[in-house]
Amino acid sequence: MPLSPPVGRQHLHTRRVTCQGFYRDDGLFDVEGRITDEKTYEHANEWRGPLKAGDLVHDMSIRLTLDHRFKKLIGLRVGPGFTRAVRQRLGGTHGCTHLVELLGPVATTAFQTAGSKKANDLQLAHRIKIGKPPKPRDPNQPQRKPYMVDNCYAWASDGEVTKRWVPQFYTGPDAEAVRAAAEGKEIEMDG
């Protein structure tokens, strides 16, 4: 979404957050996050001496390894409340503000990495390779609502995205007709 044109201003600081998701050979997922901060001007640093414009003030990384269920990080569920729980355990003098802050985008990247069709295909191939194929899905068991429905404006249960990609969870005024039209159709969605 483009921003409106700004008034005259001077650029002072840049923070970059980079998150990358990886599928590992052992069937797990790694999500790595990196946060950097830099100033556009020279300034003093008590421990490092003068820093020139563009020198990194912070350059910190973290790696989150997810098990095959994508849900545990030392006993924490990566989902609603994750960042709050991390702040409770690692906030203040128990951790580092920058790394705790980085875990929010890392957790989101974990969902984007592990929730994709490609990740599911890799996970299935790995489970077959190690002799532990998943049990067939019971067609009579109701499908679970995808995590993104009602967790984002675009994925509102009564919105067009939900209507198109997961019509069985659509709640708009024409929900019955939409669900009936989608009945029996295979709708493939990649995260």
N, C-alpha and C. Protein backbone atom coordinates (compact mmCIF):
# COMPACT_ATOMS: atom_id res chain seq x y z
N MET A 1 0.83 -1.16 0.00
CA MET A 1 0.00 0.00 0.00
C MET A 1 0.89 1.24 0.00
N PRO A 2 0.79 2.08 -1.00
CA PRO A 2 1.66 3.26 -1.03
C PRO A 2 1.27 4.29 0.03
N LEU A 3 2.28 4.99 0.52
CA LEU A 3 2.06 6.05 1.49
C LEU A 3 1.80 7.36 0.77
N SER A 4 1.15 8.27 1.46
CA SER A 4 0.97 9.61 0.89
C SER A 4 2.32 10.30 0.84
N PRO A 5 2.49 11.29 -0.05
CA PRO A 5 3.77 11.99 -0.11
C PRO A 5 4.07 12.69 1.22
N PRO A 6 5.30 12.57 1.72
CA PRO A 6 5.62 13.18 3.01
C PRO A 6 5.95 14.67 2.86
N VAL A 7 5.91 15.37 3.98
CA VAL A 7 6.42 16.74 4.00
C VAL A 7 7.94 16.64 4.04
N GLY A 8 8.64 17.76 3.89
CA GLY A 8 10.09 17.74 3.94
C GLY A 8 10.58 17.10 5.24
N ARG A 9 11.60 16.27 5.15
CA ARG A 9 12.08 15.56 6.34
C ARG A 9 13.50 15.08 6.12
N GLN A 10 14.16 14.66 7.18
CA GLN A 10 15.53 14.16 7.13
C GLN A 10 15.54 12.74 7.68
N HIS A 11 16.05 11.80 6.89
CA HIS A 11 16.14 10.40 7.29
C HIS A 11 17.20 10.25 8.39
N LEU A 12 16.82 9.65 9.53
CA LEU A 12 17.73 9.51 10.66
C LEU A 12 18.08 8.07 11.00
N HIS A 13 17.14 7.14 10.84
CA HIS A 13 17.34 5.78 11.35
C HIS A 13 16.66 4.77 10.44
N THR A 14 17.28 3.61 10.29
CA THR A 14 16.68 2.51 9.54
C THR A 14 16.79 1.24 10.37
N ARG A 15 15.65 0.58 10.57
CA ARG A 15 15.62 -0.75 11.18
C ARG A 15 15.16 -1.71 10.11
N ARG A 16 15.91 -2.79 9.95
CA ARG A 16 15.53 -3.83 8.99
C ARG A 16 15.29 -5.12 9.76
N VAL A 17 14.19 -5.76 9.46
CA VAL A 17 13.87 -7.06 10.03
C VAL A 17 13.72 -8.02 8.85
N THR A 18 14.52 -9.06 8.84
CA THR A 18 14.48 -10.06 7.78
C THR A 18 14.17 -11.40 8.42
N CYS A 19 13.20 -12.09 7.88
CA CYS A 19 12.85 -13.43 8.37
C CYS A 19 12.84 -14.39 7.20
N GLN A 20 13.44 -15.56 7.39
CA GLN A 20 13.50 -16.58 6.35
C GLN A 20 13.09 -17.92 6.93
N GLY A 21 12.30 -18.69 6.18
CA GLY A 21 11.87 -20.01 6.61
C GLY A 21 12.52 -21.09 5.78
N PHE A 22 12.92 -22.18 6.44
CA PHE A 22 13.63 -23.28 5.78
C PHE A 22 13.02 -24.62 6.18
N TYR A 23 12.98 -25.56 5.25
CA TYR A 23 12.63 -26.95 5.54
C TYR A 23 13.94 -27.71 5.66
N ARG A 24 14.13 -28.41 6.77
CA ARG A 24 15.37 -29.12 7.05
C ARG A 24 15.32 -30.56 6.57
N ASP A 25 16.48 -31.14 6.34
CA ASP A 25 16.57 -32.53 5.90
C ASP A 25 16.04 -33.52 6.92
N ASP A 26 15.96 -33.12 8.20
CA ASP A 26 15.47 -34.03 9.23
C ASP A 26 13.96 -33.90 9.46
N GLY A 27 13.28 -33.15 8.57
CA GLY A 27 11.83 -33.03 8.67
C GLY A 27 11.32 -31.89 9.54
N LEU A 28 12.23 -31.13 10.12
CA LEU A 28 11.84 -29.98 10.94
C LEU A 28 11.93 -28.71 10.11
N PHE A 29 11.50 -27.61 10.70
CA PHE A 29 11.58 -26.31 10.05
C PHE A 29 12.46 -25.39 10.89
N ASP A 30 13.25 -24.57 10.23
CA ASP A 30 13.99 -23.50 10.87
C ASP A 30 13.44 -22.18 10.35
N VAL A 31 13.23 -21.23 11.25
CA VAL A 31 12.89 -19.88 10.87
C VAL A 31 13.93 -18.98 11.51
N GLU A 32 14.62 -18.22 10.67
CA GLU A 32 15.67 -17.35 11.16
C GLU A 32 15.25 -15.89 10.99
N GLY A 33 15.51 -15.12 12.03
CA GLY A 33 15.21 -13.70 11.99
C GLY A 33 16.47 -12.90 12.26
N ARG A 34 16.57 -11.77 11.59
CA ARG A 34 17.71 -10.88 11.79
C ARG A 34 17.18 -9.46 11.90
N ILE A 35 17.70 -8.72 12.85
CA ILE A 35 17.31 -7.33 13.04
C ILE A 35 18.58 -6.48 13.00
N THR A 36 18.55 -5.42 12.19
CA THR A 36 19.67 -4.48 12.14
C THR A 36 19.14 -3.07 12.33
N ASP A 37 19.94 -2.23 12.96
CA ASP A 37 19.65 -0.81 13.13
C ASP A 37 20.86 -0.03 12.66
N GLU A 38 20.60 1.07 11.95
CA GLU A 38 21.69 1.95 11.54
C GLU A 38 21.23 3.39 11.54
N LYS A 39 22.15 4.28 11.83
CA LYS A 39 21.90 5.72 11.81
C LYS A 39 22.45 6.28 10.50
N THR A 40 21.89 7.41 10.09
CA THR A 40 22.33 8.04 8.85
C THR A 40 23.41 9.10 9.11
N TYR A 41 23.89 9.15 10.33
CA TYR A 41 24.85 10.18 10.71
C TYR A 41 25.88 9.56 11.66
N GLU A 42 27.03 10.18 11.76
CA GLU A 42 28.05 9.71 12.69
C GLU A 42 27.61 10.01 14.12
N HIS A 43 27.88 9.07 15.01
CA HIS A 43 27.53 9.28 16.41
C HIS A 43 28.47 8.46 17.30
N ALA A 44 28.56 8.88 18.56
CA ALA A 44 29.47 8.21 19.50
C ALA A 44 28.81 6.96 20.06
N ASN A 45 29.65 5.94 20.31
CA ASN A 45 29.21 4.72 20.97
C ASN A 45 30.23 4.43 22.07
N GLU A 46 29.76 4.34 23.29
CA GLU A 46 30.65 4.20 24.45
C GLU A 46 31.57 2.99 24.34
N TRP A 47 31.11 1.90 23.76
CA TRP A 47 31.90 0.67 23.72
C TRP A 47 32.67 0.49 22.42
N ARG A 48 32.15 1.05 21.33
CA ARG A 48 32.76 0.81 20.02
C ARG A 48 33.46 2.03 19.45
N GLY A 49 33.35 3.14 20.12
CA GLY A 49 33.93 4.36 19.58
C GLY A 49 32.97 5.00 18.58
N PRO A 50 33.45 5.97 17.79
CA PRO A 50 32.55 6.65 16.85
C PRO A 50 32.05 5.68 15.78
N LEU A 51 30.76 5.76 15.50
CA LEU A 51 30.16 4.97 14.42
C LEU A 51 29.84 5.92 13.27
N LYS A 52 30.23 5.52 12.07
CA LYS A 52 29.96 6.33 10.89
C LYS A 52 28.52 6.12 10.44
N ALA A 53 28.05 7.01 9.61
CA ALA A 53 26.73 6.85 9.00
C ALA A 53 26.71 5.50 8.27
N GLY A 54 25.68 4.72 8.52
CA GLY A 54 25.54 3.42 7.87
C GLY A 54 26.13 2.26 8.66
N ASP A 55 26.98 2.54 9.67
CA ASP A 55 27.48 1.46 10.53
C ASP A 55 26.30 0.87 11.31
N LEU A 56 26.31 -0.44 11.48
CA LEU A 56 25.21 -1.08 12.19
C LEU A 56 25.34 -0.86 13.70
N VAL A 57 24.29 -0.34 14.29
CA VAL A 57 24.21 -0.17 15.74
C VAL A 57 23.86 -1.52 16.36
N HIS A 58 22.93 -2.23 15.74
CA HIS A 58 22.55 -3.59 16.14
C HIS A 58 22.63 -4.49 14.92
N ASP A 59 23.05 -5.71 15.13
CA ASP A 59 23.01 -6.76 14.11
C ASP A 59 22.85 -8.06 14.87
N MET A 60 21.59 -8.48 15.06
CA MET A 60 21.28 -9.62 15.92
C MET A 60 20.41 -10.62 15.16
N SER A 61 20.61 -11.89 15.47
CA SER A 61 19.86 -12.95 14.80
C SER A 61 19.33 -13.95 15.82
N ILE A 62 18.29 -14.65 15.40
CA ILE A 62 17.69 -15.69 16.23
C ILE A 62 17.18 -16.80 15.30
N ARG A 63 17.21 -18.02 15.78
CA ARG A 63 16.70 -19.16 15.00
C ARG A 63 15.65 -19.87 15.84
N LEU A 64 14.52 -20.13 15.24
CA LEU A 64 13.43 -20.86 15.85
C LEU A 64 13.32 -22.18 15.09
N THR A 65 13.48 -23.30 15.79
CA THR A 65 13.32 -24.61 15.16
C THR A 65 11.97 -25.17 15.58
N LEU A 66 11.18 -25.57 14.58
CA LEU A 66 9.84 -26.06 14.82
C LEU A 66 9.79 -27.57 14.63
N ASP A 67 9.09 -28.25 15.53
CA ASP A 67 8.93 -29.69 15.35
C ASP A 67 7.89 -29.94 14.27
N HIS A 68 7.61 -31.20 13.99
CA HIS A 68 6.71 -31.53 12.89
C HIS A 68 5.28 -31.07 13.15
N ARG A 69 4.97 -30.68 14.35
CA ARG A 69 3.63 -30.16 14.63
C ARG A 69 3.61 -28.64 14.58
N PHE A 70 4.75 -28.01 14.39
CA PHE A 70 4.91 -26.56 14.23
C PHE A 70 4.46 -25.77 15.45
N LYS A 71 4.27 -26.38 16.60
CA LYS A 71 3.59 -25.69 17.67
C LYS A 71 4.40 -25.45 18.94
N LYS A 72 5.56 -26.01 19.05
CA LYS A 72 6.22 -25.88 20.35
C LYS A 72 7.54 -25.14 20.24
N LEU A 73 7.73 -24.25 21.15
CA LEU A 73 9.01 -23.57 21.33
C LEU A 73 9.25 -23.58 22.83
N ILE A 74 10.00 -24.56 23.26
CA ILE A 74 10.28 -24.74 24.68
C ILE A 74 8.98 -24.62 25.47
N GLY A 75 7.99 -25.36 25.07
CA GLY A 75 6.73 -25.40 25.80
C GLY A 75 5.72 -24.34 25.41
N LEU A 76 6.09 -23.41 24.53
CA LEU A 76 5.15 -22.38 24.11
C LEU A 76 4.51 -22.74 22.78
N ARG A 77 3.24 -22.45 22.68
CA ARG A 77 2.52 -22.67 21.42
C ARG A 77 2.74 -21.45 20.54
N VAL A 78 3.20 -21.67 19.30
CA VAL A 78 3.35 -20.59 18.34
C VAL A 78 1.97 -20.33 17.77
N GLY A 79 1.31 -19.32 18.27
CA GLY A 79 -0.05 -18.98 17.87
C GLY A 79 -0.50 -17.80 18.70
N PRO A 80 -1.81 -17.65 18.87
CA PRO A 80 -2.32 -16.53 19.66
C PRO A 80 -1.71 -16.52 21.06
N GLY A 81 -1.22 -15.36 21.48
CA GLY A 81 -0.62 -15.21 22.80
C GLY A 81 0.87 -15.54 22.87
N PHE A 82 1.46 -15.99 21.75
CA PHE A 82 2.87 -16.39 21.73
C PHE A 82 3.78 -15.24 22.15
N THR A 83 3.61 -14.08 21.51
CA THR A 83 4.48 -12.94 21.81
C THR A 83 4.33 -12.51 23.26
N ARG A 84 3.11 -12.50 23.76
CA ARG A 84 2.87 -12.13 25.16
C ARG A 84 3.60 -13.11 26.09
N ALA A 85 3.48 -14.41 25.80
CA ALA A 85 4.14 -15.42 26.64
C ALA A 85 5.66 -15.28 26.57
N VAL A 86 6.20 -14.98 25.38
CA VAL A 86 7.64 -14.78 25.24
C VAL A 86 8.06 -13.57 26.07
N ARG A 87 7.30 -12.48 26.00
CA ARG A 87 7.64 -11.28 26.77
C ARG A 87 7.62 -11.57 28.28
N GLN A 88 6.67 -12.40 28.72
CA GLN A 88 6.61 -12.75 30.14
C GLN A 88 7.85 -13.53 30.56
N ARG A 89 8.31 -14.43 29.68
CA ARG A 89 9.46 -15.27 30.03
C ARG A 89 10.80 -14.60 29.78
N LEU A 90 10.86 -13.76 28.75
CA LEU A 90 12.15 -13.21 28.35
C LEU A 90 12.21 -11.69 28.38
N GLY A 91 11.20 -11.05 28.92
CA GLY A 91 11.19 -9.59 28.97
C GLY A 91 12.10 -9.05 30.06
N GLY A 92 12.30 -7.75 30.01
CA GLY A 92 13.10 -7.08 31.03
C GLY A 92 14.52 -7.60 31.08
N THR A 93 15.02 -7.84 32.26
CA THR A 93 16.40 -8.28 32.43
C THR A 93 16.58 -9.78 32.18
N HIS A 94 15.50 -10.49 31.86
CA HIS A 94 15.60 -11.93 31.59
C HIS A 94 15.96 -12.23 30.14
N GLY A 95 16.02 -11.21 29.32
CA GLY A 95 16.31 -11.44 27.91
C GLY A 95 16.82 -10.19 27.25
N CYS A 96 16.47 -9.99 26.00
CA CYS A 96 16.92 -8.85 25.22
C CYS A 96 15.72 -8.29 24.46
N THR A 97 15.45 -7.02 24.63
CA THR A 97 14.31 -6.39 23.98
C THR A 97 14.33 -6.62 22.47
N HIS A 98 15.50 -6.50 21.86
CA HIS A 98 15.59 -6.64 20.40
C HIS A 98 15.23 -8.06 19.95
N LEU A 99 15.73 -9.06 20.65
CA LEU A 99 15.43 -10.44 20.26
C LEU A 99 13.99 -10.81 20.56
N VAL A 100 13.45 -10.32 21.67
CA VAL A 100 12.04 -10.57 21.98
C VAL A 100 11.17 -9.93 20.91
N GLU A 101 11.53 -8.71 20.50
CA GLU A 101 10.79 -8.02 19.45
C GLU A 101 10.86 -8.79 18.13
N LEU A 102 11.99 -9.38 17.86
CA LEU A 102 12.20 -10.12 16.62
C LEU A 102 11.36 -11.40 16.57
N LEU A 103 11.02 -11.95 17.74
CA LEU A 103 10.25 -13.20 17.75
C LEU A 103 8.84 -13.04 17.16
N GLY A 104 8.25 -11.84 17.21
CA GLY A 104 6.94 -11.63 16.59
C GLY A 104 6.96 -11.91 15.11
N PRO A 105 7.82 -11.21 14.33
CA PRO A 105 7.90 -11.52 12.90
C PRO A 105 8.40 -12.93 12.62
N VAL A 106 9.27 -13.46 13.50
CA VAL A 106 9.74 -14.84 13.30
C VAL A 106 8.57 -15.81 13.43
N ALA A 107 7.71 -15.60 14.42
CA ALA A 107 6.55 -16.48 14.59
C ALA A 107 5.63 -16.41 13.38
N THR A 108 5.41 -15.19 12.86
CA THR A 108 4.58 -15.03 11.67
C THR A 108 5.22 -15.74 10.47
N THR A 109 6.55 -15.62 10.35
CA THR A 109 7.26 -16.31 9.27
C THR A 109 7.14 -17.82 9.44
N ALA A 110 7.12 -18.29 10.68
CA ALA A 110 6.95 -19.72 10.93
C ALA A 110 5.62 -20.21 10.35
N PHE A 111 4.55 -19.43 10.57
CA PHE A 111 3.26 -19.80 9.99
C PHE A 111 3.32 -19.80 8.47
N GLN A 112 3.94 -18.77 7.89
CA GLN A 112 4.04 -18.69 6.44
C GLN A 112 4.87 -19.83 5.86
N THR A 113 5.90 -20.26 6.58
CA THR A 113 6.77 -21.34 6.12
C THR A 113 6.09 -22.69 6.26
N ALA A 114 5.63 -22.99 7.44
CA ALA A 114 5.12 -24.33 7.74
C ALA A 114 3.68 -24.53 7.28
N GLY A 115 2.97 -23.46 6.97
CA GLY A 115 1.58 -23.59 6.58
C GLY A 115 1.33 -23.65 5.09
N SER A 116 2.38 -23.71 4.30
CA SER A 116 2.21 -23.71 2.85
C SER A 116 2.00 -25.12 2.30
N LYS A 117 1.45 -25.20 1.11
CA LYS A 117 1.27 -26.49 0.44
C LYS A 117 2.63 -27.14 0.19
N LYS A 118 3.62 -26.35 -0.20
CA LYS A 118 4.97 -26.87 -0.44
C LYS A 118 5.51 -27.52 0.83
N ALA A 119 5.34 -26.86 1.98
CA ALA A 119 5.81 -27.43 3.26
C ALA A 119 5.07 -28.72 3.57
N ASN A 120 3.77 -28.74 3.33
CA ASN A 120 2.99 -29.96 3.58
C ASN A 120 3.47 -31.10 2.68
N ASP A 121 3.76 -30.79 1.40
CA ASP A 121 4.26 -31.81 0.48
C ASP A 121 5.62 -32.34 0.94
N LEU A 122 6.51 -31.44 1.38
CA LEU A 122 7.82 -31.87 1.88
C LEU A 122 7.68 -32.72 3.14
N GLN A 123 6.77 -32.30 4.02
CA GLN A 123 6.56 -33.04 5.26
C GLN A 123 6.01 -34.44 4.96
N LEU A 124 5.07 -34.54 4.03
CA LEU A 124 4.51 -35.83 3.64
C LEU A 124 5.61 -36.73 3.07
N ALA A 125 6.43 -36.19 2.17
CA ALA A 125 7.52 -36.97 1.57
C ALA A 125 8.50 -37.44 2.65
N HIS A 126 8.79 -36.58 3.60
CA HIS A 126 9.71 -36.96 4.69
C HIS A 126 9.11 -38.08 5.54
N ARG A 127 7.85 -37.96 5.88
CA ARG A 127 7.21 -38.99 6.72
C ARG A 127 7.16 -40.33 5.99
N ILE A 128 6.92 -40.32 4.71
CA ILE A 128 6.92 -41.56 3.93
C ILE A 128 8.33 -42.14 3.89
N LYS A 129 9.32 -41.27 3.68
CA LYS A 129 10.73 -41.70 3.62
C LYS A 129 11.17 -42.36 4.91
N ILE A 130 10.73 -41.86 6.06
CA ILE A 130 11.16 -42.44 7.34
C ILE A 130 10.21 -43.54 7.82
N GLY A 131 9.24 -43.92 6.99
CA GLY A 131 8.35 -45.02 7.33
C GLY A 131 7.23 -44.67 8.29
N LYS A 132 6.86 -43.39 8.37
CA LYS A 132 5.78 -42.96 9.25
C LYS A 132 4.76 -42.12 8.49
N PRO A 133 4.11 -42.73 7.49
CA PRO A 133 3.13 -41.95 6.72
C PRO A 133 1.96 -41.53 7.61
N PRO A 134 1.35 -40.38 7.30
CA PRO A 134 0.22 -39.94 8.12
C PRO A 134 -0.98 -40.85 7.93
N LYS A 135 -1.83 -40.87 8.94
CA LYS A 135 -3.07 -41.63 8.82
C LYS A 135 -3.98 -40.92 7.84
N PRO A 136 -4.74 -41.67 7.06
CA PRO A 136 -5.67 -41.00 6.13
C PRO A 136 -6.67 -40.14 6.90
N ARG A 137 -7.00 -38.99 6.33
CA ARG A 137 -7.95 -38.08 6.95
C ARG A 137 -9.34 -38.68 6.88
N ASP A 138 -10.04 -38.65 8.01
CA ASP A 138 -11.41 -39.14 8.08
C ASP A 138 -12.31 -38.13 7.39
N PRO A 139 -12.93 -38.51 6.26
CA PRO A 139 -13.77 -37.54 5.53
C PRO A 139 -15.00 -37.10 6.33
N ASN A 140 -15.38 -37.87 7.35
CA ASN A 140 -16.54 -37.51 8.17
C ASN A 140 -16.19 -36.53 9.29
N GLN A 141 -14.90 -36.35 9.53
CA GLN A 141 -14.48 -35.42 10.57
C GLN A 141 -14.50 -34.00 9.99
N PRO A 142 -15.11 -33.06 10.73
CA PRO A 142 -15.18 -31.70 10.21
C PRO A 142 -13.79 -31.08 10.08
N GLN A 143 -13.63 -30.30 9.03
CA GLN A 143 -12.36 -29.62 8.79
C GLN A 143 -12.19 -28.49 9.80
N ARG A 144 -10.95 -28.33 10.30
CA ARG A 144 -10.68 -27.23 11.23
C ARG A 144 -10.59 -25.91 10.48
N LYS A 145 -11.08 -24.86 11.11
CA LYS A 145 -11.01 -23.53 10.52
C LYS A 145 -9.54 -23.12 10.40
N PRO A 146 -9.11 -22.67 9.22
CA PRO A 146 -7.73 -22.22 9.07
C PRO A 146 -7.41 -21.08 10.02
N TYR A 147 -6.18 -21.06 10.53
CA TYR A 147 -5.79 -20.08 11.55
C TYR A 147 -5.95 -18.64 11.09
N MET A 148 -5.87 -18.38 9.77
CA MET A 148 -5.89 -16.99 9.33
C MET A 148 -7.29 -16.40 9.25
N VAL A 149 -8.33 -17.26 9.24
CA VAL A 149 -9.69 -16.75 9.15
C VAL A 149 -10.03 -15.99 10.44
N ASP A 150 -10.47 -14.75 10.26
CA ASP A 150 -10.81 -13.82 11.34
C ASP A 150 -9.60 -13.37 12.16
N ASN A 151 -8.41 -13.53 11.60
CA ASN A 151 -7.21 -13.01 12.25
C ASN A 151 -6.54 -11.93 11.42
N CYS A 152 -7.23 -11.47 10.38
CA CYS A 152 -6.70 -10.47 9.46
C CYS A 152 -7.88 -9.86 8.72
N TYR A 153 -7.78 -8.59 8.42
CA TYR A 153 -8.85 -7.91 7.68
C TYR A 153 -9.19 -8.65 6.38
N ALA A 154 -8.16 -9.01 5.63
CA ALA A 154 -8.38 -9.69 4.34
C ALA A 154 -9.07 -11.04 4.52
N TRP A 155 -8.82 -11.70 5.65
CA TRP A 155 -9.37 -13.03 5.89
C TRP A 155 -10.60 -13.00 6.81
N ALA A 156 -11.33 -11.90 6.81
CA ALA A 156 -12.58 -11.85 7.58
C ALA A 156 -13.49 -12.96 7.10
N SER A 157 -14.18 -13.63 8.01
CA SER A 157 -15.01 -14.78 7.62
C SER A 157 -16.13 -14.38 6.66
N ASP A 158 -16.50 -13.11 6.62
CA ASP A 158 -17.54 -12.67 5.69
C ASP A 158 -16.96 -11.93 4.49
N GLY A 159 -15.63 -12.06 4.27
CA GLY A 159 -14.96 -11.34 3.19
C GLY A 159 -14.74 -12.17 1.94
N GLU A 160 -14.30 -11.47 0.90
CA GLU A 160 -14.11 -12.09 -0.42
C GLU A 160 -13.00 -13.15 -0.44
N VAL A 161 -11.93 -12.96 0.32
CA VAL A 161 -10.82 -13.92 0.31
C VAL A 161 -11.29 -15.25 0.91
N THR A 162 -11.97 -15.19 2.05
CA THR A 162 -12.50 -16.41 2.66
C THR A 162 -13.53 -17.06 1.73
N LYS A 163 -14.37 -16.25 1.15
CA LYS A 163 -15.40 -16.75 0.21
C LYS A 163 -14.75 -17.53 -0.94
N ARG A 164 -13.62 -17.02 -1.46
CA ARG A 164 -12.95 -17.65 -2.61
C ARG A 164 -12.14 -18.88 -2.21
N TRP A 165 -11.35 -18.78 -1.12
CA TRP A 165 -10.38 -19.83 -0.82
C TRP A 165 -10.84 -20.87 0.19
N VAL A 166 -11.69 -20.50 1.13
CA VAL A 166 -12.21 -21.47 2.10
C VAL A 166 -13.70 -21.23 2.29
N PRO A 167 -14.47 -21.48 1.23
CA PRO A 167 -15.91 -21.16 1.26
C PRO A 167 -16.68 -21.87 2.37
N GLN A 168 -16.18 -23.00 2.85
CA GLN A 168 -16.87 -23.71 3.93
C GLN A 168 -16.85 -22.93 5.24
N PHE A 169 -15.98 -21.91 5.33
CA PHE A 169 -15.90 -21.08 6.54
C PHE A 169 -16.41 -19.66 6.30
N TYR A 170 -16.97 -19.43 5.13
CA TYR A 170 -17.50 -18.12 4.77
C TYR A 170 -18.81 -17.88 5.52
N THR A 171 -18.99 -16.66 6.08
CA THR A 171 -20.18 -16.35 6.87
C THR A 171 -20.97 -15.15 6.32
N GLY A 172 -20.66 -14.73 5.11
CA GLY A 172 -21.35 -13.57 4.53
C GLY A 172 -22.83 -13.85 4.28
N PRO A 173 -23.56 -12.83 3.80
CA PRO A 173 -25.01 -12.96 3.63
C PRO A 173 -25.42 -14.08 2.66
N ASP A 174 -24.55 -14.43 1.73
CA ASP A 174 -24.84 -15.50 0.76
C ASP A 174 -24.09 -16.78 1.10
N ALA A 175 -23.78 -16.99 2.38
CA ALA A 175 -22.94 -18.12 2.81
C ALA A 175 -23.51 -19.47 2.39
N GLU A 176 -24.81 -19.67 2.56
CA GLU A 176 -25.39 -20.98 2.21
C GLU A 176 -25.20 -21.28 0.73
N ALA A 177 -25.45 -20.31 -0.12
CA ALA A 177 -25.31 -20.51 -1.57
C ALA A 177 -23.84 -20.73 -1.94
N VAL A 178 -22.95 -20.00 -1.31
CA VAL A 178 -21.51 -20.14 -1.59
C VAL A 178 -21.04 -21.53 -1.19
N ARG A 179 -21.43 -21.98 -0.01
CA ARG A 179 -21.02 -23.32 0.43
C ARG A 179 -21.61 -24.41 -0.46
N ALA A 180 -22.86 -24.24 -0.86
CA ALA A 180 -23.50 -25.23 -1.74
C ALA A 180 -22.78 -25.30 -3.08
N ALA A 181 -22.40 -24.15 -3.63
CA ALA A 181 -21.70 -24.12 -4.92
C ALA A 181 -20.31 -24.76 -4.82
N ALA A 182 -19.69 -24.69 -3.66
CA ALA A 182 -18.34 -25.23 -3.48
C ALA A 182 -18.34 -26.69 -3.07
N GLU A 183 -19.51 -27.23 -2.71
CA GLU A 183 -19.61 -28.61 -2.24
C GLU A 183 -19.00 -29.59 -3.23
N GLY A 184 -18.07 -30.39 -2.74
CA GLY A 184 -17.45 -31.44 -3.56
C GLY A 184 -16.30 -30.94 -4.44
N LYS A 185 -16.06 -29.64 -4.48
CA LYS A 185 -14.96 -29.11 -5.28
C LYS A 185 -13.69 -29.11 -4.45
N GLU A 186 -12.59 -29.45 -5.09
CA GLU A 186 -11.27 -29.39 -4.45
C GLU A 186 -10.73 -27.99 -4.63
N ILE A 187 -10.55 -27.28 -3.52
CA ILE A 187 -10.00 -25.93 -3.59
C ILE A 187 -8.63 -26.00 -2.95
N GLU A 188 -7.61 -25.78 -3.77
CA GLU A 188 -6.25 -25.86 -3.28
C GLU A 188 -5.73 -24.47 -3.00
N MET A 189 -5.20 -24.29 -1.81
CA MET A 189 -4.72 -23.00 -1.39
C MET A 189 -3.30 -23.16 -0.88
N ASP A 190 -2.42 -22.25 -1.27
CA ASP A 190 -1.05 -22.27 -0.77
C ASP A 190 -0.87 -21.09 0.17
N GLY A 191 -0.22 -21.34 1.33
CA GLY A 191 -0.04 -20.30 2.34
C GLY A 191 1.10 -19.39 2.03
